[in-house]
Amino acid sequence: MNKKYLFLGITVVIFIAGFWLRGQLQIDSCLDNGGKWDYEKKECMGSNLTN
């Protein structure tokens, strides 16, 4: 039964880390292309990229 909880915990951590990493990659891509990231709107401004 402990293995179930361990597997569930690891799965949740990976899921959350994936969402965080996706956001960081969007910000990095925006900045690399000369844009400015608007943290309140969560969008790229001043670049050819959208999100």
PDB file of N, CA and C in Angstrom:
ATOM      1  N   MET A   1       0.808  -1.191   0.000  1.00  0.00           N
ATOM      2  CA  MET A   1       0.000   0.000   0.000  1.00  0.00           C
ATOM      3  C   MET A   1       0.859   1.265   0.000  1.00  0.00           C
ATOM      4  N   ASN A   2       1.995   1.228   0.641  1.00  0.00           N
ATOM      5  CA  ASN A   2       2.902   2.372   0.651  1.00  0.00           C
ATOM      6  C   ASN A   2       3.431   2.671  -0.741  1.00  0.00           C
ATOM      7  N   LYS A   3       3.588   1.630  -1.561  1.00  0.00           N
ATOM      8  CA  LYS A   3       4.073   1.837  -2.921  1.00  0.00           C
ATOM      9  C   LYS A   3       3.064   2.614  -3.750  1.00  0.00           C
ATOM     10  N   LYS A   4       1.777   2.413  -3.488  1.00  0.00           N
ATOM     11  CA  LYS A   4       0.738   3.167  -4.194  1.00  0.00           C
ATOM     12  C   LYS A   4       0.867   4.657  -3.900  1.00  0.00           C
ATOM     13  N   TYR A   5       1.040   4.981  -2.619  1.00  0.00           N
ATOM     14  CA  TYR A   5       1.151   6.379  -2.233  1.00  0.00           C
ATOM     15  C   TYR A   5       2.439   7.004  -2.757  1.00  0.00           C
ATOM     16  N   LEU A   6       3.510   6.247  -2.767  1.00  0.00           N
ATOM     17  CA  LEU A   6       4.770   6.740  -3.314  1.00  0.00           C
ATOM     18  C   LEU A   6       4.615   7.029  -4.801  1.00  0.00           C
ATOM     19  N   PHE A   7       4.014   6.100  -5.533  1.00  0.00           N
ATOM     20  CA  PHE A   7       3.795   6.288  -6.960  1.00  0.00           C
ATOM     21  C   PHE A   7       2.894   7.496  -7.208  1.00  0.00           C
ATOM     22  N   LEU A   8       1.831   7.637  -6.439  1.00  0.00           N
ATOM     23  CA  LEU A   8       0.918   8.766  -6.574  1.00  0.00           C
ATOM     24  C   LEU A   8       1.636  10.084  -6.289  1.00  0.00           C
ATOM     25  N   GLY A   9       2.435  10.105  -5.236  1.00  0.00           N
ATOM     26  CA  GLY A   9       3.177  11.311  -4.886  1.00  0.00           C
ATOM     27  C   GLY A   9       4.156  11.720  -5.968  1.00  0.00           C
ATOM     28  N   ILE A  10       4.886  10.759  -6.496  1.00  0.00           N
ATOM     29  CA  ILE A  10       5.851  11.047  -7.566  1.00  0.00           C
ATOM     30  C   ILE A  10       5.128  11.532  -8.814  1.00  0.00           C
ATOM     31  N   THR A  11       3.999  10.925  -9.127  1.00  0.00           N
ATOM     32  CA  THR A  11       3.225  11.333 -10.292  1.00  0.00           C
ATOM     33  C   THR A  11       2.740  12.775 -10.153  1.00  0.00           C
ATOM     34  N   VAL A  12       2.262  13.142  -8.992  1.00  0.00           N
ATOM     35  CA  VAL A  12       1.782  14.507  -8.760  1.00  0.00           C
ATOM     36  C   VAL A  12       2.928  15.504  -8.878  1.00  0.00           C
ATOM     37  N   VAL A  13       4.078  15.187  -8.317  1.00  0.00           N
ATOM     38  CA  VAL A  13       5.238  16.075  -8.388  1.00  0.00           C
ATOM     39  C   VAL A  13       5.673  16.263  -9.836  1.00  0.00           C
ATOM     40  N   ILE A  14       5.725  15.201 -10.606  1.00  0.00           N
ATOM     41  CA  ILE A  14       6.114  15.300 -12.016  1.00  0.00           C
ATOM     42  C   ILE A  14       5.107  16.137 -12.793  1.00  0.00           C
ATOM     43  N   PHE A  15       3.832  15.956 -12.520  1.00  0.00           N
ATOM     44  CA  PHE A  15       2.785  16.711 -13.188  1.00  0.00           C
ATOM     45  C   PHE A  15       2.924  18.210 -12.911  1.00  0.00           C
ATOM     46  N   ILE A  16       3.123  18.571 -11.670  1.00  0.00           N
ATOM     47  CA  ILE A  16       3.278  19.983 -11.289  1.00  0.00           C
ATOM     48  C   ILE A  16       4.557  20.561 -11.885  1.00  0.00           C
ATOM     49  N   ALA A  17       5.639  19.802 -11.830  1.00  0.00           N
ATOM     50  CA  ALA A  17       6.909  20.265 -12.388  1.00  0.00           C
ATOM     51  C   ALA A  17       6.787  20.479 -13.897  1.00  0.00           C
ATOM     52  N   GLY A  18       6.023  19.655 -14.565  1.00  0.00           N
ATOM     53  CA  GLY A  18       5.820  19.808 -16.010  1.00  0.00           C
ATOM     54  C   GLY A  18       5.135  21.114 -16.354  1.00  0.00           C
ATOM     55  N   PHE A  19       4.096  21.467 -15.591  1.00  0.00           N
ATOM     56  CA  PHE A  19       3.417  22.744 -15.825  1.00  0.00           C
ATOM     57  C   PHE A  19       4.342  23.925 -15.550  1.00  0.00           C
ATOM     58  N   TRP A  20       5.111  23.837 -14.493  1.00  0.00           N
ATOM     59  CA  TRP A  20       6.044  24.915 -14.159  1.00  0.00           C
ATOM     60  C   TRP A  20       7.092  25.073 -15.251  1.00  0.00           C
ATOM     61  N   LEU A  21       7.638  23.947 -15.711  1.00  0.00           N
ATOM     62  CA  LEU A  21       8.669  23.987 -16.748  1.00  0.00           C
ATOM     63  C   LEU A  21       8.120  24.547 -18.050  1.00  0.00           C
ATOM     64  N   ARG A  22       6.898  24.193 -18.395  1.00  0.00           N
ATOM     65  CA  ARG A  22       6.272  24.715 -19.615  1.00  0.00           C
ATOM     66  C   ARG A  22       6.199  26.237 -19.566  1.00  0.00           C
ATOM     67  N   GLY A  23       5.797  26.773 -18.431  1.00  0.00           N
ATOM     68  CA  GLY A  23       5.720  28.221 -18.275  1.00  0.00           C
ATOM     69  C   GLY A  23       7.080  28.889 -18.371  1.00  0.00           C
ATOM     70  N   GLN A  24       8.079  28.275 -17.759  1.00  0.00           N
ATOM     71  CA  GLN A  24       9.423  28.841 -17.805  1.00  0.00           C
ATOM     72  C   GLN A  24       9.980  28.842 -19.221  1.00  0.00           C
ATOM     73  N   LEU A  25       9.679  27.802 -19.986  1.00  0.00           N
ATOM     74  CA  LEU A  25      10.144  27.733 -21.372  1.00  0.00           C
ATOM     75  C   LEU A  25       9.453  28.781 -22.241  1.00  0.00           C
ATOM     76  N   GLN A  26       8.179  29.069 -21.962  1.00  0.00           N
ATOM     77  CA  GLN A  26       7.482  30.133 -22.698  1.00  0.00           C
ATOM     78  C   GLN A  26       8.120  31.486 -22.413  1.00  0.00           C
ATOM     79  N   ILE A  27       8.424  31.753 -21.159  1.00  0.00           N
ATOM     80  CA  ILE A  27       9.068  33.016 -20.783  1.00  0.00           C
ATOM     81  C   ILE A  27      10.427  33.124 -21.439  1.00  0.00           C
ATOM     82  N   ASP A  28      11.217  32.064 -21.391  1.00  0.00           N
ATOM     83  CA  ASP A  28      12.552  32.061 -21.974  1.00  0.00           C
ATOM     84  C   ASP A  28      12.502  32.297 -23.477  1.00  0.00           C
ATOM     85  N   SER A  29      11.578  31.648 -24.144  1.00  0.00           N
ATOM     86  CA  SER A  29      11.435  31.815 -25.580  1.00  0.00           C
ATOM     87  C   SER A  29      11.053  33.249 -25.934  1.00  0.00           C
ATOM     88  N   CYS A  30      10.171  33.828 -25.165  1.00  0.00           N
ATOM     89  CA  CYS A  30       9.761  35.211 -25.381  1.00  0.00           C
ATOM     90  C   CYS A  30      10.959  36.156 -25.259  1.00  0.00           C
ATOM     91  N   LEU A  31      11.700  36.009 -24.176  1.00  0.00           N
ATOM     92  CA  LEU A  31      12.847  36.887 -23.946  1.00  0.00           C
ATOM     93  C   LEU A  31      13.940  36.675 -24.983  1.00  0.00           C
ATOM     94  N   ASP A  32      14.150  35.434 -25.404  1.00  0.00           N
ATOM     95  CA  ASP A  32      15.157  35.141 -26.424  1.00  0.00           C
ATOM     96  C   ASP A  32      14.828  35.796 -27.757  1.00  0.00           C
ATOM     97  N   ASN A  33      13.533  35.999 -28.023  1.00  0.00           N
ATOM     98  CA  ASN A  33      13.119  36.614 -29.282  1.00  0.00           C
ATOM     99  C   ASN A  33      12.896  38.119 -29.164  1.00  0.00           C
ATOM    100  N   GLY A  34      13.410  38.707 -28.106  1.00  0.00           N
ATOM    101  CA  GLY A  34      13.380  40.154 -27.951  1.00  0.00           C
ATOM    102  C   GLY A  34      12.101  40.704 -27.360  1.00  0.00           C
ATOM    103  N   GLY A  35      11.256  39.858 -26.849  1.00  0.00           N
ATOM    104  CA  GLY A  35      10.004  40.320 -26.265  1.00  0.00           C
ATOM    105  C   GLY A  35      10.121  40.607 -24.784  1.00  0.00           C
ATOM    106  N   LYS A  36       9.020  41.027 -24.226  1.00  0.00           N
ATOM    107  CA  LYS A  36       8.930  41.298 -22.791  1.00  0.00           C
ATOM    108  C   LYS A  36       7.784  40.460 -22.254  1.00  0.00           C
ATOM    109  N   TRP A  37       8.021  39.735 -21.178  1.00  0.00           N
ATOM    110  CA  TRP A  37       6.994  38.874 -20.603  1.00  0.00           C
ATOM    111  C   TRP A  37       6.158  39.661 -19.604  1.00  0.00           C
ATOM    112  N   ASP A  38       4.843  39.662 -19.811  1.00  0.00           N
ATOM    113  CA  ASP A  38       3.912  40.299 -18.884  1.00  0.00           C
ATOM    114  C   ASP A  38       3.446  39.229 -17.896  1.00  0.00           C
ATOM    115  N   TYR A  39       3.921  39.319 -16.665  1.00  0.00           N
ATOM    116  CA  TYR A  39       3.633  38.293 -15.663  1.00  0.00           C
ATOM    117  C   TYR A  39       2.182  38.318 -15.208  1.00  0.00           C
ATOM    118  N   GLU A  40       1.539  39.475 -15.244  1.00  0.00           N
ATOM    119  CA  GLU A  40       0.136  39.547 -14.829  1.00  0.00           C
ATOM    120  C   GLU A  40      -0.786  38.905 -15.863  1.00  0.00           C
ATOM    121  N   LYS A  41      -0.519  39.184 -17.147  1.00  0.00           N
ATOM    122  CA  LYS A  41      -1.343  38.621 -18.218  1.00  0.00           C
ATOM    123  C   LYS A  41      -0.841  37.261 -18.696  1.00  0.00           C
ATOM    124  N   LYS A  42       0.380  36.936 -18.296  1.00  0.00           N
ATOM    125  CA  LYS A  42       1.031  35.688 -18.710  1.00  0.00           C
ATOM    126  C   LYS A  42       1.094  35.570 -20.225  1.00  0.00           C
ATOM    127  N   GLU A  43       1.615  36.648 -20.840  1.00  0.00           N
ATOM    128  CA  GLU A  43       1.768  36.648 -22.292  1.00  0.00           C
ATOM    129  C   GLU A  43       3.001  37.446 -22.688  1.00  0.00           C
ATOM    130  N   CYS A  44       3.448  37.170 -23.901  1.00  0.00           N
ATOM    131  CA  CYS A  44       4.626  37.812 -24.450  1.00  0.00           C
ATOM    132  C   CYS A  44       4.211  39.082 -25.183  1.00  0.00           C
ATOM    133  N   MET A  45       4.936  40.147 -24.944  1.00  0.00           N
ATOM    134  CA  MET A  45       4.654  41.407 -25.624  1.00  0.00           C
ATOM    135  C   MET A  45       5.891  41.864 -26.381  1.00  0.00           C
ATOM    136  N   GLY A  46       5.681  42.398 -27.572  1.00  0.00           N
ATOM    137  CA  GLY A  46       6.796  42.962 -28.331  1.00  0.00           C
ATOM    138  C   GLY A  46       7.630  41.940 -29.053  1.00  0.00           C
ATOM    139  N   SER A  47       7.089  40.808 -29.332  1.00  0.00           N
ATOM    140  CA  SER A  47       7.802  39.757 -30.049  1.00  0.00           C
ATOM    141  C   SER A  47       6.849  39.143 -31.050  1.00  0.00           C
ATOM    142  N   ASN A  48       7.378  38.388 -32.009  1.00  0.00           N
ATOM    143  CA  ASN A  48       6.543  37.714 -32.988  1.00  0.00           C
ATOM    144  C   ASN A  48       5.873  36.479 -32.410  1.00  0.00           C
ATOM    145  N   LEU A  49       6.262  36.108 -31.209  1.00  0.00           N
ATOM    146  CA  LEU A  49       5.687  34.922 -30.575  1.00  0.00           C
ATOM    147  C   LEU A  49       4.373  35.261 -29.870  1.00  0.00           C
ATOM    148  N   THR A  50       3.465  34.322 -29.865  1.00  0.00           N
ATOM    149  CA  THR A  50       2.263  34.465 -29.057  1.00  0.00           C
ATOM    150  C   THR A  50       2.263  33.332 -28.061  1.00  0.00           C
ATOM    151  N   ASN A  51       2.344  33.672 -26.791  1.00  0.00           N
ATOM    152  CA  ASN A  51       2.436  32.681 -25.692  1.00  0.00           C
ATOM    153  C   ASN A  51       3.646  31.866 -25.926  1.00  0.00           C
TER     154      ASN A  51
END
